[in-house]
């Protein structure tokens, strides 16, 4: 099994939001599609489960996130596998997508601070720190593309791409809402207070009791 030092100096170039946006813009519509489609599959599964003998199933949050992740992966493979300058694969047991060898995107459920909850392995820690990981490309900026569900897991409140370095949120880009309307935040507008906070690199501390909990989106990291 490959070994690595999660504390090694960060070697990869971290793209700022304005540098990443032109790349993300090219795949914007398809990213929205695959995340929404994966979530829609979950709603169909939940509806079907309610017709089974014994009544509705009370799925745990980690199970819901795991189902949605696997269905997003299905749509990502179908939508992006043949696209030029895009590589979709498992990298050392982690599903992800490389775009123009400049961005590496993982797909996760997010909380209200755009954090992701995973089994806190050395590999996940290295990913968060933008460190080098055996089996991963050396150059792309590590990102998370994710969704925030509502309390009942019946709708998506928002779809985002986030760049983290350790516990610091470098930037976040909102891709739109689950309705037909699609909106990208204009991060260049000075009146946008969210960006002011992000550009100052305000540290968003992830809740300590969530680091060791599986969400179902990182089954591969338990290996």
Protein backbone atom coordinates (compact mmCIF):
# COMPACT_ATOMS: atom_id res chain seq x y z
CA UNK A 1 0.00 0.00 0.00
CA UNK A 2 1.46 3.43 -0.91
CA UNK A 3 2.57 5.60 1.97
CA UNK A 4 2.76 9.35 2.12
CA UNK A 5 3.41 12.16 4.56
CA UNK A 6 0.36 14.38 4.97
CA UNK A 7 2.60 17.08 6.45
CA UNK A 8 4.88 17.38 3.45
CA UNK A 9 5.13 20.90 1.94
CA UNK A 10 2.33 21.74 -0.49
CA UNK A 11 3.75 21.50 -4.02
CA UNK A 12 0.71 21.90 -6.25
CA UNK A 13 -0.41 25.26 -7.56
CA UNK A 14 -3.66 26.41 -5.97
CA UNK A 15 -5.82 28.26 -8.45
CA UNK A 16 -7.66 31.31 -7.20
CA UNK A 17 -11.36 31.56 -7.92
CA UNK A 18 -10.91 33.89 -10.89
CA UNK A 19 -8.42 31.44 -12.41
CA UNK A 20 -10.65 28.43 -11.84
CA UNK A 21 -13.92 30.00 -13.01
CA UNK A 22 -13.18 29.87 -16.78
CA UNK A 23 -12.43 26.15 -16.46
CA UNK A 24 -15.51 25.50 -14.34
CA UNK A 25 -17.67 27.55 -16.70
CA UNK A 26 -16.97 25.07 -19.49
CA UNK A 27 -18.44 22.22 -17.42
CA UNK A 28 -20.96 24.26 -15.42
CA UNK A 29 -24.15 22.91 -17.02
CA UNK A 30 -22.99 19.31 -16.91
CA UNK A 31 -21.89 19.54 -13.27
CA UNK A 32 -25.33 20.83 -12.35
CA UNK A 33 -26.91 18.03 -14.35
CA UNK A 34 -24.98 15.14 -12.79
CA UNK A 35 -25.48 16.34 -9.21
CA UNK A 36 -29.18 17.01 -9.71
CA UNK A 37 -29.63 13.68 -11.50
CA UNK A 38 -27.95 11.77 -8.69
CA UNK A 39 -30.20 13.48 -6.15
CA UNK A 40 -33.28 12.77 -8.27
CA UNK A 41 -32.38 9.08 -8.30
CA UNK A 42 -32.31 9.16 -4.51
CA UNK A 43 -35.83 10.62 -4.43
CA UNK A 44 -37.05 7.81 -6.68
CA UNK A 45 -35.39 5.19 -4.49
CA UNK A 46 -36.93 6.71 -1.36
CA UNK A 47 -40.35 6.75 -2.99
CA UNK A 48 -40.02 3.12 -4.04
CA UNK A 49 -38.77 2.07 -0.59
CA UNK A 50 -41.95 3.48 0.87
CA UNK A 51 -44.00 0.94 -1.09
CA UNK A 52 -42.14 -2.07 0.31
CA UNK A 53 -43.64 -4.40 2.88
CA UNK A 54 -43.19 -3.10 6.40
CA UNK A 55 -43.55 0.57 5.58
CA UNK A 56 -41.08 3.37 4.83
CA UNK A 57 -37.37 2.94 5.53
CA UNK A 58 -35.72 5.42 7.89
CA UNK A 59 -32.44 5.89 6.05
CA UNK A 60 -29.53 7.27 8.07
CA UNK A 61 -27.89 10.45 6.76
CA UNK A 62 -24.69 8.57 5.83
CA UNK A 63 -26.78 6.07 3.84
CA UNK A 64 -28.59 8.84 1.98
CA UNK A 65 -25.30 10.57 1.16
CA UNK A 66 -23.78 7.28 0.03
CA UNK A 67 -26.68 6.50 -2.31
CA UNK A 68 -26.57 9.98 -3.82
CA UNK A 69 -22.78 9.82 -4.23
CA UNK A 70 -22.93 6.52 -6.09
CA UNK A 71 -25.62 7.81 -8.43
CA UNK A 72 -23.73 11.05 -9.05
CA UNK A 73 -20.72 8.90 -9.93
CA UNK A 74 -22.85 6.99 -12.44
CA UNK A 75 -23.88 10.21 -14.16
CA UNK A 76 -20.37 11.71 -14.04
CA UNK A 77 -18.94 8.65 -15.79
CA UNK A 78 -21.65 8.80 -18.44
CA UNK A 79 -21.41 12.56 -18.96
CA UNK A 80 -17.68 13.23 -18.77
CA UNK A 81 -15.76 10.03 -19.60
CA UNK A 82 -15.47 10.81 -23.31
CA UNK A 83 -14.99 14.54 -22.96
CA UNK A 84 -11.71 15.93 -24.23
CA UNK A 85 -9.17 17.01 -21.58
CA UNK A 86 -11.22 15.31 -18.85
CA UNK A 87 -10.28 12.14 -16.98
CA UNK A 88 -12.82 10.27 -14.86
CA UNK A 89 -11.50 7.41 -12.76
CA UNK A 90 -10.76 5.95 -9.34
CA UNK A 91 -7.55 7.38 -7.95
CA UNK A 92 -6.05 5.22 -5.22
CA UNK A 93 -9.58 4.13 -4.32
CA UNK A 94 -11.14 7.62 -4.56
CA UNK A 95 -13.56 8.53 -7.34
CA UNK A 96 -12.81 11.85 -8.99
CA UNK A 97 -12.49 13.84 -12.18
CA UNK A 98 -9.50 15.73 -13.58
CA UNK A 99 -10.31 18.74 -15.76
CA UNK A 100 -7.63 20.13 -18.10
CA UNK A 101 -5.02 18.78 -15.66
CA UNK A 102 -5.69 21.90 -13.56
CA UNK A 103 -8.62 20.88 -11.36
CA UNK A 104 -9.32 17.64 -9.50
CA UNK A 105 -12.95 17.36 -8.43
CA UNK A 106 -14.47 15.06 -5.84
CA UNK A 107 -18.23 14.87 -5.33
CA UNK A 108 -19.55 15.18 -1.79
CA UNK A 109 -22.47 16.20 0.38
CA UNK A 110 -21.69 19.52 2.11
CA UNK A 111 -22.85 21.26 5.26
CA UNK A 112 -23.77 24.92 5.61
CA UNK A 113 -20.09 25.95 5.81
CA UNK A 114 -19.25 24.04 2.60
CA UNK A 115 -17.35 21.47 4.66
CA UNK A 116 -17.45 17.78 3.82
CA UNK A 117 -17.62 14.98 6.35
CA UNK A 118 -15.46 11.93 5.72
CA UNK A 119 -13.75 9.17 7.54
CA UNK A 120 -10.72 11.13 8.73
CA UNK A 121 -7.94 9.11 7.11
CA UNK A 122 -4.42 10.28 6.29
CA UNK A 123 -5.44 10.32 2.63
CA UNK A 124 -8.43 12.56 3.27
CA UNK A 125 -6.29 14.83 5.44
CA UNK A 126 -3.67 15.06 2.68
CA UNK A 127 -6.39 15.92 0.15
CA UNK A 128 -7.69 18.69 2.39
CA UNK A 129 -4.14 20.05 2.72
CA UNK A 130 -3.58 19.98 -1.05
CA UNK A 131 -0.64 17.63 -0.46
CA UNK A 132 0.78 15.05 -2.86
CA UNK A 133 -0.99 11.67 -2.72
CA UNK A 134 0.24 8.48 -4.44
CA UNK A 135 -2.02 7.62 -7.36
CA UNK A 136 -3.31 11.20 -7.72
CA UNK A 137 -2.15 13.69 -10.36
CA UNK A 138 0.50 16.06 -9.01
CA UNK A 139 -0.58 19.38 -10.52
CA UNK A 140 -4.36 19.99 -10.28
CA UNK A 141 -5.94 21.98 -7.47
CA UNK A 142 -8.02 19.69 -5.26
CA UNK A 143 -11.70 20.73 -5.14
CA UNK A 144 -15.02 19.44 -3.87
CA UNK A 145 -18.21 19.72 -5.92
CA UNK A 146 -21.20 19.19 -3.71
CA UNK A 147 -24.75 19.90 -2.70
CA UNK A 148 -26.46 20.99 0.49
CA UNK A 149 -29.76 19.15 1.05
CA UNK A 150 -32.69 20.55 2.95
CA UNK A 151 -33.63 19.14 6.34
CA UNK A 152 -35.84 16.41 4.88
CA UNK A 153 -33.46 15.47 2.03
CA UNK A 154 -36.27 16.29 -0.42
CA UNK A 155 -34.61 19.21 -2.22
CA UNK A 156 -31.19 20.66 -2.89
CA UNK A 157 -30.63 24.06 -1.29
CA UNK A 158 -27.52 24.80 -3.34
CA UNK A 159 -24.78 23.31 -5.51
CA UNK A 160 -21.22 24.48 -4.94
CA UNK A 161 -17.58 23.99 -5.78
CA UNK A 162 -15.23 24.64 -2.85
CA UNK A 163 -11.49 24.87 -2.46
CA UNK A 164 -10.06 24.03 0.97
CA UNK A 165 -6.52 24.14 2.31
CA UNK A 166 -6.63 22.33 5.62
CA UNK A 167 -9.36 24.02 7.66
CA UNK A 168 -9.28 27.20 5.59
CA UNK A 169 -11.91 27.77 2.94
CA UNK A 170 -10.03 29.45 0.09
CA UNK A 171 -13.06 30.05 -2.10
CA UNK A 172 -16.49 28.75 -2.97
CA UNK A 173 -18.53 29.13 -6.13
CA UNK A 174 -22.30 28.68 -6.09
CA UNK A 175 -23.53 26.89 -9.18
CA UNK A 176 -27.23 27.47 -8.70
CA UNK A 177 -30.31 26.09 -7.03
CA UNK A 178 -32.35 22.99 -7.45
CA UNK A 179 -35.13 24.89 -9.25
CA UNK A 180 -34.98 25.64 -12.97
CA UNK A 181 -33.26 28.90 -12.22
CA UNK A 182 -29.47 28.80 -12.38
CA UNK A 183 -27.36 31.51 -10.82
CA UNK A 184 -23.62 31.90 -10.40
CA UNK A 185 -22.53 34.30 -7.70
CA UNK A 186 -20.60 37.24 -9.08
CA UNK A 187 -17.53 37.06 -6.91
CA UNK A 188 -16.12 40.25 -8.44
CA UNK A 189 -18.81 42.52 -7.00
CA UNK A 190 -17.50 44.44 -3.98
CA UNK A 191 -20.92 44.38 -2.34
CA UNK A 192 -20.85 40.61 -2.05
CA UNK A 193 -19.95 40.17 1.63
CA UNK A 194 -19.41 36.44 1.23
CA UNK A 195 -16.45 37.02 -1.02
CA UNK A 196 -15.01 39.60 1.30
CA UNK A 197 -14.89 36.94 3.97
CA UNK A 198 -13.44 34.34 1.66
CA UNK A 199 -10.75 36.60 0.26
CA UNK A 200 -9.62 37.31 3.83
CA UNK A 201 -9.28 33.53 4.22
CA UNK A 202 -11.42 33.37 7.30
CA UNK A 203 -10.95 29.97 8.86
CA UNK A 204 -14.14 27.95 9.10
CA UNK A 205 -13.55 25.35 11.78
CA UNK A 206 -15.24 22.11 11.00
CA UNK A 207 -17.19 20.60 13.88
CA UNK A 208 -14.87 18.35 15.80
CA UNK A 209 -17.43 15.61 16.38
CA UNK A 210 -17.91 15.05 12.65
CA UNK A 211 -14.36 14.30 11.58
CA UNK A 212 -14.46 10.64 12.41
CA UNK A 213 -17.92 9.95 11.10
CA UNK A 214 -18.58 8.32 7.78
CA UNK A 215 -21.15 9.91 5.53
CA UNK A 216 -21.27 6.99 3.14
CA UNK A 217 -19.44 8.97 0.48
CA UNK A 218 -16.05 7.65 1.50
CA UNK A 219 -16.48 3.91 1.74
CA UNK A 220 -13.35 3.55 -0.33
CA UNK A 221 -11.30 5.43 2.28
CA UNK A 222 -11.96 2.83 4.93
CA UNK A 223 -9.80 0.36 3.06
